[in-house]
Amino acid sequence: MKNDILNNLLILYGKYSIKSKPTPDSQMCFLWSIKNPPDVLEGTKQLYAIKAEFKIEISEDEAVKIYDMNLQEASEYIIKLINAV
């Protein structure tokens, strides 16, 4: 399950981040613009894509936590959110 989530995050990263090739150590924050980062993550297309991909709800506080993680850490966090349902 963890590898599936990580692989899906790598695909999303590749879609939204034009900065570099995605790796498990890539920072989630690069899914969003680094020149004009959002003040609020809720309602962004990137967060919507994450929610839709994993069929989970993510609060603004949870989104901020994920924003500060690398893809490996985020995949572990998403597993916790999935299991909490």
C-alpha atoms as a PDB file:
ATOM      1  CA  MET A   1       0.000   0.000   0.000  1.00  0.00           C
ATOM      2  CA  LYS A   2       2.792   2.407   0.950  1.00  0.00           C
ATOM      3  CA  ASN A   3       4.590   1.907  -2.364  1.00  0.00           C
ATOM      4  CA  ASP A   4       1.351   2.492  -4.290  1.00  0.00           C
ATOM      5  CA  ILE A   5       0.763   5.747  -2.446  1.00  0.00           C
ATOM      6  CA  LEU A   6       4.364   6.848  -2.964  1.00  0.00           C
ATOM      7  CA  ASN A   7       4.171   6.011  -6.678  1.00  0.00           C
ATOM      8  CA  ASN A   8       0.951   8.009  -7.029  1.00  0.00           C
ATOM      9  CA  LEU A   9       2.544  10.952  -5.212  1.00  0.00           C
ATOM     10  CA  LEU A  10       5.519  10.745  -7.579  1.00  0.00           C
ATOM     11  CA  ILE A  11       3.107  10.969 -10.523  1.00  0.00           C
ATOM     12  CA  LEU A  12       1.276  13.951  -8.995  1.00  0.00           C
ATOM     13  CA  TYR A  13       4.607  15.610  -8.268  1.00  0.00           C
ATOM     14  CA  GLY A  14       5.643  15.172 -11.876  1.00  0.00           C
ATOM     15  CA  LYS A  15       2.369  16.724 -13.001  1.00  0.00           C
ATOM     16  CA  TYR A  16       2.494  19.811 -10.787  1.00  0.00           C
ATOM     17  CA  SER A  17       6.210  20.430 -10.256  1.00  0.00           C
ATOM     18  CA  ILE A  18       8.258  21.426 -13.250  1.00  0.00           C
ATOM     19  CA  LYS A  19      11.306  22.075 -11.070  1.00  0.00           C
ATOM     20  CA  SER A  20      12.901  18.629 -11.017  1.00  0.00           C
ATOM     21  CA  LYS A  21      12.442  14.922 -11.496  1.00  0.00           C
ATOM     22  CA  PRO A  22      10.477  13.479  -8.536  1.00  0.00           C
ATOM     23  CA  THR A  23      12.157  11.189  -6.011  1.00  0.00           C
ATOM     24  CA  PRO A  24      10.960   9.938  -2.605  1.00  0.00           C
ATOM     25  CA  ASP A  25      13.077  12.729  -1.060  1.00  0.00           C
ATOM     26  CA  SER A  26      11.427  15.484  -3.140  1.00  0.00           C
ATOM     27  CA  GLN A  27       9.693  18.105  -1.039  1.00  0.00           C
ATOM     28  CA  MET A  28       5.898  18.252  -1.241  1.00  0.00           C
ATOM     29  CA  CYS A  29       5.981  22.062  -1.146  1.00  0.00           C
ATOM     30  CA  PHE A  30       7.257  22.049  -4.736  1.00  0.00           C
ATOM     31  CA  LEU A  31       3.851  20.890  -5.946  1.00  0.00           C
ATOM     32  CA  TRP A  32       2.858  24.531  -5.433  1.00  0.00           C
ATOM     33  CA  SER A  33       4.440  27.631  -6.907  1.00  0.00           C
ATOM     34  CA  ILE A  34       7.613  28.686  -5.163  1.00  0.00           C
ATOM     35  CA  LYS A  35       7.451  32.145  -6.746  1.00  0.00           C
ATOM     36  CA  ASN A  36       3.916  32.746  -5.531  1.00  0.00           C
ATOM     37  CA  PRO A  37       3.086  30.191  -2.811  1.00  0.00           C
ATOM     38  CA  PRO A  38      -0.539  30.040  -1.686  1.00  0.00           C
ATOM     39  CA  ASP A  39      -1.553  31.622   1.613  1.00  0.00           C
ATOM     40  CA  VAL A  40      -4.094  28.832   2.104  1.00  0.00           C
ATOM     41  CA  LEU A  41      -3.677  25.337   0.695  1.00  0.00           C
ATOM     42  CA  GLU A  42      -7.354  24.440   0.913  1.00  0.00           C
ATOM     43  CA  GLY A  43      -9.000  24.894  -2.456  1.00  0.00           C
ATOM     44  CA  THR A  44      -5.798  24.591  -4.509  1.00  0.00           C
ATOM     45  CA  LYS A  45      -5.795  22.245  -7.485  1.00  0.00           C
ATOM     46  CA  GLN A  46      -2.850  20.337  -6.010  1.00  0.00           C
ATOM     47  CA  LEU A  47      -4.615  19.601  -2.736  1.00  0.00           C
ATOM     48  CA  TYR A  48      -7.792  18.707  -4.610  1.00  0.00           C
ATOM     49  CA  ALA A  49      -5.757  16.247  -6.728  1.00  0.00           C
ATOM     50  CA  ILE A  50      -4.282  14.623  -3.600  1.00  0.00           C
ATOM     51  CA  LYS A  51      -7.727  14.312  -2.011  1.00  0.00           C
ATOM     52  CA  ALA A  52      -9.217  12.825  -5.184  1.00  0.00           C
ATOM     53  CA  GLU A  53      -6.315  10.434  -5.783  1.00  0.00           C
ATOM     54  CA  PHE A  54      -6.497   8.896  -2.318  1.00  0.00           C
ATOM     55  CA  LYS A  55     -10.208   9.473  -1.642  1.00  0.00           C
ATOM     56  CA  ILE A  56      -9.517  11.258   1.643  1.00  0.00           C
ATOM     57  CA  GLU A  57     -10.411  14.534   3.271  1.00  0.00           C
ATOM     58  CA  ILE A  58      -7.532  16.753   4.333  1.00  0.00           C
ATOM     59  CA  SER A  59      -7.984  19.726   6.646  1.00  0.00           C
ATOM     60  CA  GLU A  60      -5.942  22.889   6.233  1.00  0.00           C
ATOM     61  CA  ASP A  61      -3.826  21.885   9.257  1.00  0.00           C
ATOM     62  CA  GLU A  62      -3.145  18.458   7.757  1.00  0.00           C
ATOM     63  CA  ALA A  63      -2.349  20.071   4.391  1.00  0.00           C
ATOM     64  CA  VAL A  64       0.224  22.334   6.055  1.00  0.00           C
ATOM     65  CA  LYS A  65       1.858  19.278   7.661  1.00  0.00           C
ATOM     66  CA  ILE A  66       1.993  17.499   4.301  1.00  0.00           C
ATOM     67  CA  TYR A  67       3.344  20.660   2.621  1.00  0.00           C
ATOM     68  CA  ASP A  68       6.413  20.504   4.874  1.00  0.00           C
ATOM     69  CA  MET A  69       7.146  16.801   4.216  1.00  0.00           C
ATOM     70  CA  ASN A  70       9.037  14.948   1.549  1.00  0.00           C
ATOM     71  CA  LEU A  71       7.106  12.478  -0.604  1.00  0.00           C
ATOM     72  CA  GLN A  72       8.177   9.487   1.491  1.00  0.00           C
ATOM     73  CA  GLU A  73       6.947  11.118   4.710  1.00  0.00           C
ATOM     74  CA  ALA A  74       3.762  12.301   3.022  1.00  0.00           C
ATOM     75  CA  SER A  75       2.974   8.778   1.824  1.00  0.00           C
ATOM     76  CA  GLU A  76       3.235   7.513   5.417  1.00  0.00           C
ATOM     77  CA  TYR A  77       1.017  10.357   6.620  1.00  0.00           C
ATOM     78  CA  ILE A  78      -1.577   9.648   3.930  1.00  0.00           C
ATOM     79  CA  ILE A  79      -1.678   6.009   5.047  1.00  0.00           C
ATOM     80  CA  LYS A  80      -2.589   7.233   8.535  1.00  0.00           C
ATOM     81  CA  LEU A  81      -5.355   9.414   7.082  1.00  0.00           C
ATOM     82  CA  ILE A  82      -6.714   6.493   5.045  1.00  0.00           C
ATOM     83  CA  ASN A  83      -6.660   4.178   8.055  1.00  0.00           C
ATOM     84  CA  ALA A  84      -8.397   6.768  10.235  1.00  0.00           C
ATOM     85  CA  VAL A  85     -11.543   6.578   8.080  1.00  0.00           C
END
